C-alpha atoms as a PDB file:
ATOM      1  CA  UNK A   1     102.972 -31.826 190.026  1.00  0.00           C
ATOM      2  CA  UNK A   2     102.917 -35.594 189.667  1.00  0.00           C
ATOM      3  CA  UNK A   3     102.710 -37.949 192.621  1.00  0.00           C
ATOM      4  CA  UNK A   4     104.545 -41.266 192.761  1.00  0.00           C
ATOM      5  CA  UNK A   5     102.679 -44.207 194.303  1.00  0.00           C
ATOM      6  CA  UNK A   6     104.787 -47.178 195.342  1.00  0.00           C
ATOM      7  CA  UNK A   7     103.061 -50.511 195.887  1.00  0.00           C
ATOM      8  CA  UNK A   8     101.271 -53.152 193.885  1.00  0.00           C
ATOM      9  CA  UNK A   9      97.634 -52.559 193.003  1.00  0.00           C
ATOM     10  CA  UNK A  10      96.643 -55.755 194.859  1.00  0.00           C
ATOM     11  CA  UNK A  11      97.548 -54.143 198.189  1.00  0.00           C
ATOM     12  CA  UNK A  12      96.377 -51.141 200.200  1.00  0.00           C
ATOM     13  CA  UNK A  13      97.952 -49.114 197.384  1.00  0.00           C
ATOM     14  CA  UNK A  14      94.576 -49.648 195.677  1.00  0.00           C
ATOM     15  CA  UNK A  15      93.165 -47.024 198.044  1.00  0.00           C
ATOM     16  CA  UNK A  16      95.718 -44.397 197.036  1.00  0.00           C
ATOM     17  CA  UNK A  17      95.525 -45.107 193.312  1.00  0.00           C
ATOM     18  CA  UNK A  18      91.725 -44.960 193.428  1.00  0.00           C
ATOM     19  CA  UNK A  19      91.733 -41.701 195.400  1.00  0.00           C
ATOM     20  CA  UNK A  20      94.047 -40.089 192.852  1.00  0.00           C
ATOM     21  CA  UNK A  21      91.839 -41.280 189.994  1.00  0.00           C
ATOM     22  CA  UNK A  22      88.703 -39.909 191.675  1.00  0.00           C
ATOM     23  CA  UNK A  23      90.467 -36.579 192.262  1.00  0.00           C
ATOM     24  CA  UNK A  24      91.738 -36.467 188.671  1.00  0.00           C
ATOM     25  CA  UNK A  25      95.356 -36.069 189.779  1.00  0.00           C
ATOM     26  CA  UNK A  26      98.296 -37.326 187.694  1.00  0.00           C
ATOM     27  CA  UNK A  27     100.578 -39.919 189.186  1.00  0.00           C
ATOM     28  CA  UNK A  28     103.314 -42.401 188.417  1.00  0.00           C
ATOM     29  CA  UNK A  29     102.817 -45.935 189.694  1.00  0.00           C
ATOM     30  CA  UNK A  30     105.730 -48.106 190.812  1.00  0.00           C
ATOM     31  CA  UNK A  31     104.273 -51.593 191.484  1.00  0.00           C
ATOM     32  CA  UNK A  32     106.907 -52.643 194.024  1.00  0.00           C
ATOM     33  CA  UNK A  33     106.373 -55.533 196.423  1.00  0.00           C
ATOM     34  CA  UNK A  34     106.340 -55.047 200.215  1.00  0.00           C
ATOM     35  CA  UNK A  35     109.769 -55.230 201.838  1.00  0.00           C
ATOM     36  CA  UNK A  36     111.519 -54.863 198.468  1.00  0.00           C
ATOM     37  CA  UNK A  37     114.551 -52.532 198.354  1.00  0.00           C
ATOM     38  CA  UNK A  38     112.554 -49.867 196.500  1.00  0.00           C
ATOM     39  CA  UNK A  39     110.042 -49.790 199.348  1.00  0.00           C
ATOM     40  CA  UNK A  40     112.380 -50.113 202.336  1.00  0.00           C
ATOM     41  CA  UNK A  41     114.410 -47.147 201.116  1.00  0.00           C
ATOM     42  CA  UNK A  42     111.343 -44.959 201.729  1.00  0.00           C
ATOM     43  CA  UNK A  43     109.596 -46.898 204.523  1.00  0.00           C
ATOM     44  CA  UNK A  44     111.874 -48.847 206.875  1.00  0.00           C
ATOM     45  CA  UNK A  45     108.908 -51.065 207.838  1.00  0.00           C
ATOM     46  CA  UNK A  46     108.779 -52.248 204.235  1.00  0.00           C
ATOM     47  CA  UNK A  47     105.024 -51.679 203.988  1.00  0.00           C
ATOM     48  CA  UNK A  48     103.134 -50.298 201.011  1.00  0.00           C
ATOM     49  CA  UNK A  49     101.783 -47.965 199.865  1.00  0.00           C
ATOM     50  CA  UNK A  50     104.177 -45.059 199.915  1.00  0.00           C
ATOM     51  CA  UNK A  51     103.267 -41.728 198.314  1.00  0.00           C
ATOM     52  CA  UNK A  52     106.158 -39.530 197.194  1.00  0.00           C
ATOM     53  CA  UNK A  53     105.528 -35.814 196.837  1.00  0.00           C
ATOM     54  CA  UNK A  54     108.413 -33.439 196.147  1.00  0.00           C
ATOM     55  CA  UNK A  55     110.835 -36.111 197.356  1.00  0.00           C
ATOM     56  CA  UNK A  56     108.993 -36.575 200.660  1.00  0.00           C
ATOM     57  CA  UNK A  57     107.553 -40.025 201.431  1.00  0.00           C
ATOM     58  CA  UNK A  58     104.198 -40.392 203.163  1.00  0.00           C
ATOM     59  CA  UNK A  59     103.267 -43.818 204.508  1.00  0.00           C
ATOM     60  CA  UNK A  60     100.026 -45.502 205.679  1.00  0.00           C
ATOM     61  CA  UNK A  61      97.174 -45.680 203.197  1.00  0.00           C
ATOM     62  CA  UNK A  62      94.648 -43.888 205.414  1.00  0.00           C
ATOM     63  CA  UNK A  63      97.000 -41.004 206.157  1.00  0.00           C
ATOM     64  CA  UNK A  64      97.764 -40.706 202.445  1.00  0.00           C
ATOM     65  CA  UNK A  65      94.203 -40.699 201.164  1.00  0.00           C
ATOM     66  CA  UNK A  66      92.986 -38.266 203.816  1.00  0.00           C
ATOM     67  CA  UNK A  67      95.898 -35.965 203.005  1.00  0.00           C
ATOM     68  CA  UNK A  68      95.067 -36.087 199.308  1.00  0.00           C
ATOM     69  CA  UNK A  69      91.370 -35.503 199.972  1.00  0.00           C
ATOM     70  CA  UNK A  70      92.140 -32.484 202.180  1.00  0.00           C
ATOM     71  CA  UNK A  71      94.710 -31.046 199.791  1.00  0.00           C
ATOM     72  CA  UNK A  72      92.513 -31.277 196.714  1.00  0.00           C
ATOM     73  CA  UNK A  73      89.164 -30.593 198.397  1.00  0.00           C
ATOM     74  CA  UNK A  74      87.415 -33.764 197.320  1.00  0.00           C
ATOM     75  CA  UNK A  75      85.981 -36.944 198.866  1.00  0.00           C
ATOM     76  CA  UNK A  76      86.000 -35.397 202.327  1.00  0.00           C
ATOM     77  CA  UNK A  77      84.219 -32.986 204.605  1.00  0.00           C
ATOM     78  CA  UNK A  78      86.196 -29.988 205.854  1.00  0.00           C
ATOM     79  CA  UNK A  79      88.321 -30.359 208.973  1.00  0.00           C
ATOM     80  CA  UNK A  80      86.763 -28.865 212.083  1.00  0.00           C
ATOM     81  CA  UNK A  81      83.172 -29.595 211.074  1.00  0.00           C
ATOM     82  CA  UNK A  82      80.731 -32.011 212.658  1.00  0.00           C
ATOM     83  CA  UNK A  83      80.428 -33.809 209.335  1.00  0.00           C
ATOM     84  CA  UNK A  84      84.191 -34.348 209.358  1.00  0.00           C
ATOM     85  CA  UNK A  85      84.037 -35.657 212.915  1.00  0.00           C
ATOM     86  CA  UNK A  86      81.385 -38.169 211.807  1.00  0.00           C
ATOM     87  CA  UNK A  87      83.503 -39.083 208.786  1.00  0.00           C
ATOM     88  CA  UNK A  88      86.608 -39.625 210.920  1.00  0.00           C
ATOM     89  CA  UNK A  89      84.563 -41.727 213.334  1.00  0.00           C
ATOM     90  CA  UNK A  90      83.472 -43.957 210.457  1.00  0.00           C
ATOM     91  CA  UNK A  91      87.055 -44.194 209.187  1.00  0.00           C
ATOM     92  CA  UNK A  92      88.305 -45.342 212.593  1.00  0.00           C
ATOM     93  CA  UNK A  93      85.466 -47.836 212.936  1.00  0.00           C
ATOM     94  CA  UNK A  94      86.328 -49.401 209.575  1.00  0.00           C
ATOM     95  CA  UNK A  95      90.022 -49.605 210.415  1.00  0.00           C
ATOM     96  CA  UNK A  96      89.357 -51.161 213.825  1.00  0.00           C
ATOM     97  CA  UNK A  97      86.636 -53.603 212.793  1.00  0.00           C
ATOM     98  CA  UNK A  98      87.246 -54.499 209.127  1.00  0.00           C
ATOM     99  CA  UNK A  99      90.815 -53.698 208.141  1.00  0.00           C
ATOM    100  CA  UNK A 100      92.274 -55.052 211.395  1.00  0.00           C
ATOM    101  CA  UNK A 101      90.497 -58.413 211.112  1.00  0.00           C
ATOM    102  CA  UNK A 102      91.563 -58.877 207.505  1.00  0.00           C
ATOM    103  CA  UNK A 103      95.151 -57.864 208.274  1.00  0.00           C
ATOM    104  CA  UNK A 104      95.334 -60.287 211.184  1.00  0.00           C
ATOM    105  CA  UNK A 105      94.085 -63.081 208.925  1.00  0.00           C
ATOM    106  CA  UNK A 106      96.721 -62.150 206.331  1.00  0.00           C
ATOM    107  CA  UNK A 107      99.446 -62.196 208.969  1.00  0.00           C
ATOM    108  CA  UNK A 108      98.499 -65.738 209.951  1.00  0.00           C
ATOM    109  CA  UNK A 109      98.196 -66.820 206.311  1.00  0.00           C
ATOM    110  CA  UNK A 110     101.428 -65.632 204.709  1.00  0.00           C
ATOM    111  CA  UNK A 111     103.043 -62.691 206.523  1.00  0.00           C
ATOM    112  CA  UNK A 112     104.339 -64.261 209.739  1.00  0.00           C
ATOM    113  CA  UNK A 113     107.002 -66.975 209.726  1.00  0.00           C
ATOM    114  CA  UNK A 114     105.268 -70.310 209.215  1.00  0.00           C
ATOM    115  CA  UNK A 115     106.066 -71.562 212.715  1.00  0.00           C
ATOM    116  CA  UNK A 116     104.242 -68.569 214.239  1.00  0.00           C
ATOM    117  CA  UNK A 117     101.039 -68.808 212.195  1.00  0.00           C
ATOM    118  CA  UNK A 118      97.827 -69.850 213.951  1.00  0.00           C
ATOM    119  CA  UNK A 119      95.326 -70.902 211.294  1.00  0.00           C
ATOM    120  CA  UNK A 120      92.561 -71.453 213.872  1.00  0.00           C
ATOM    121  CA  UNK A 121      92.441 -67.724 214.584  1.00  0.00           C
ATOM    122  CA  UNK A 122      90.652 -67.168 211.271  1.00  0.00           C
ATOM    123  CA  UNK A 123      87.395 -68.642 212.611  1.00  0.00           C
ATOM    124  CA  UNK A 124      87.197 -66.026 215.361  1.00  0.00           C
ATOM    125  CA  UNK A 125      88.172 -63.278 212.927  1.00  0.00           C
ATOM    126  CA  UNK A 126      85.376 -64.278 210.544  1.00  0.00           C
ATOM    127  CA  UNK A 127      82.937 -64.200 213.465  1.00  0.00           C
ATOM    128  CA  UNK A 128      84.107 -60.683 214.367  1.00  0.00           C
ATOM    129  CA  UNK A 129      83.913 -59.632 210.720  1.00  0.00           C
ATOM    130  CA  UNK A 130      80.288 -60.772 210.505  1.00  0.00           C
ATOM    131  CA  UNK A 131      79.378 -58.962 213.721  1.00  0.00           C
ATOM    132  CA  UNK A 132      81.056 -55.786 212.472  1.00  0.00           C
ATOM    133  CA  UNK A 133      78.966 -55.920 209.307  1.00  0.00           C
ATOM    134  CA  UNK A 134      75.768 -55.947 211.373  1.00  0.00           C
ATOM    135  CA  UNK A 135      77.024 -52.958 213.383  1.00  0.00           C
ATOM    136  CA  UNK A 136      77.931 -51.075 210.217  1.00  0.00           C
ATOM    137  CA  UNK A 137      74.496 -51.594 208.688  1.00  0.00           C
ATOM    138  CA  UNK A 138      72.902 -50.102 211.801  1.00  0.00           C
ATOM    139  CA  UNK A 139      75.097 -47.009 211.364  1.00  0.00           C
ATOM    140  CA  UNK A 140      74.167 -46.393 207.743  1.00  0.00           C
ATOM    141  CA  UNK A 141      71.883 -43.569 206.688  1.00  0.00           C
ATOM    142  CA  UNK A 142      69.796 -43.162 203.561  1.00  0.00           C
ATOM    143  CA  UNK A 143      72.471 -42.058 201.117  1.00  0.00           C
ATOM    144  CA  UNK A 144      74.106 -44.289 198.570  1.00  0.00           C
ATOM    145  CA  UNK A 145      77.462 -43.674 200.294  1.00  0.00           C
ATOM    146  CA  UNK A 146      78.567 -44.190 203.891  1.00  0.00           C
ATOM    147  CA  UNK A 147      78.335 -40.506 204.754  1.00  0.00           C
ATOM    148  CA  UNK A 148      75.265 -39.707 202.679  1.00  0.00           C
ATOM    149  CA  UNK A 149      75.046 -38.326 199.173  1.00  0.00           C
ATOM    150  CA  UNK A 150      78.768 -38.013 198.436  1.00  0.00           C
ATOM    151  CA  UNK A 151      81.650 -40.443 198.287  1.00  0.00           C
ATOM    152  CA  UNK A 152      84.261 -39.866 200.988  1.00  0.00           C
ATOM    153  CA  UNK A 153      87.421 -41.431 202.420  1.00  0.00           C
ATOM    154  CA  UNK A 154      85.541 -44.152 204.357  1.00  0.00           C
ATOM    155  CA  UNK A 155      83.986 -45.420 201.121  1.00  0.00           C
ATOM    156  CA  UNK A 156      87.468 -45.987 199.693  1.00  0.00           C
ATOM    157  CA  UNK A 157      88.484 -47.952 202.799  1.00  0.00           C
ATOM    158  CA  UNK A 158      85.345 -50.066 203.079  1.00  0.00           C
ATOM    159  CA  UNK A 159      85.266 -50.950 199.384  1.00  0.00           C
ATOM    160  CA  UNK A 160      88.901 -52.022 199.485  1.00  0.00           C
ATOM    161  CA  UNK A 161      88.158 -54.128 202.557  1.00  0.00           C
ATOM    162  CA  UNK A 162      85.292 -55.706 200.621  1.00  0.00           C
ATOM    163  CA  UNK A 163      87.683 -56.646 197.803  1.00  0.00           C
ATOM    164  CA  UNK A 164      90.140 -57.993 200.357  1.00  0.00           C
ATOM    165  CA  UNK A 165      87.408 -59.986 202.111  1.00  0.00           C
ATOM    166  CA  UNK A 166      86.420 -61.655 198.857  1.00  0.00           C
ATOM    167  CA  UNK A 167      90.014 -62.748 198.215  1.00  0.00           C
ATOM    168  CA  UNK A 168      90.433 -63.931 201.830  1.00  0.00           C
ATOM    169  CA  UNK A 169      87.098 -65.800 201.716  1.00  0.00           C
ATOM    170  CA  UNK A 170      85.556 -63.705 204.493  1.00  0.00           C
ATOM    171  CA  UNK A 171      81.807 -63.809 203.724  1.00  0.00           C
ATOM    172  CA  UNK A 172      79.827 -60.591 203.278  1.00  0.00           C
ATOM    173  CA  UNK A 173      76.645 -61.685 205.027  1.00  0.00           C
ATOM    174  CA  UNK A 174      74.679 -58.432 205.163  1.00  0.00           C
ATOM    175  CA  UNK A 175      72.593 -57.929 201.983  1.00  0.00           C
ATOM    176  CA  UNK A 176      72.757 -54.143 202.252  1.00  0.00           C
ATOM    177  CA  UNK A 177      76.548 -54.226 202.450  1.00  0.00           C
ATOM    178  CA  UNK A 178      76.757 -56.664 199.538  1.00  0.00           C
ATOM    179  CA  UNK A 179      74.615 -54.349 197.405  1.00  0.00           C
ATOM    180  CA  UNK A 180      76.710 -51.333 198.415  1.00  0.00           C
ATOM    181  CA  UNK A 181      79.924 -53.126 197.443  1.00  0.00           C
ATOM    182  CA  UNK A 182      78.468 -54.162 194.099  1.00  0.00           C
ATOM    183  CA  UNK A 183      77.634 -50.516 193.347  1.00  0.00           C
ATOM    184  CA  UNK A 184      81.059 -49.274 194.428  1.00  0.00           C
ATOM    185  CA  UNK A 185      82.910 -51.900 192.419  1.00  0.00           C
ATOM    186  CA  UNK A 186      81.192 -50.594 189.295  1.00  0.00           C
ATOM    187  CA  UNK A 187      82.759 -47.135 189.651  1.00  0.00           C
ATOM    188  CA  UNK A 188      84.868 -46.461 186.526  1.00  0.00           C
ATOM    189  CA  UNK A 189      87.847 -45.053 188.434  1.00  0.00           C
ATOM    190  CA  UNK A 190      88.073 -48.110 190.669  1.00  0.00           C
ATOM    191  CA  UNK A 191      87.698 -50.438 187.692  1.00  0.00           C
ATOM    192  CA  UNK A 192      90.617 -48.636 186.045  1.00  0.00           C
ATOM    193  CA  UNK A 193      92.798 -49.236 189.111  1.00  0.00           C
ATOM    194  CA  UNK A 194      91.759 -52.877 189.461  1.00  0.00           C
ATOM    195  CA  UNK A 195      92.740 -53.361 185.846  1.00  0.00           C
ATOM    196  CA  UNK A 196      96.358 -52.820 186.999  1.00  0.00           C
ATOM    197  CA  UNK A 197      96.231 -55.881 189.260  1.00  0.00           C
ATOM    198  CA  UNK A 198      98.254 -58.927 188.126  1.00  0.00           C
END
């Protein structure tokens, strides 16, 4: 079976492509832009990524990567375990505190119609982003990864948010987080995916 991933590698599609590389699963990549006809036909919202499996589209990067991790038994703890509950808690924290701030900044930079953009909002978002980093560092354990000794779904999300933050000029102020991101960015499978970016 080969998956099809729709979405450019400079989007949240990075998360899906990286997950598939880490799992060693074959895939076809269609680098379509958001809201393009090839995307809207599968996701009426026009958002990427979209994963196609056996003709069925799955949307939302987090839903996709957790599905893939569960299906192939990698980069995740088993459902119904305390470790999985902790993992899911970390995933939700990252989506609420990191992904949401970066997405809001993107909306007010180029997504919303120009007359609706509020550039001043970025200052408050950067303040929240810095505060979230401090909270994250207090949650970290001793392992090289967020959940300990093994890479899991939250690592994919946080590392992508780190890439996004760099592009959006959101400073990574916490030294421990900066070091973590440097280590993650060196992973061969992620480097392979980033090599697909324009």
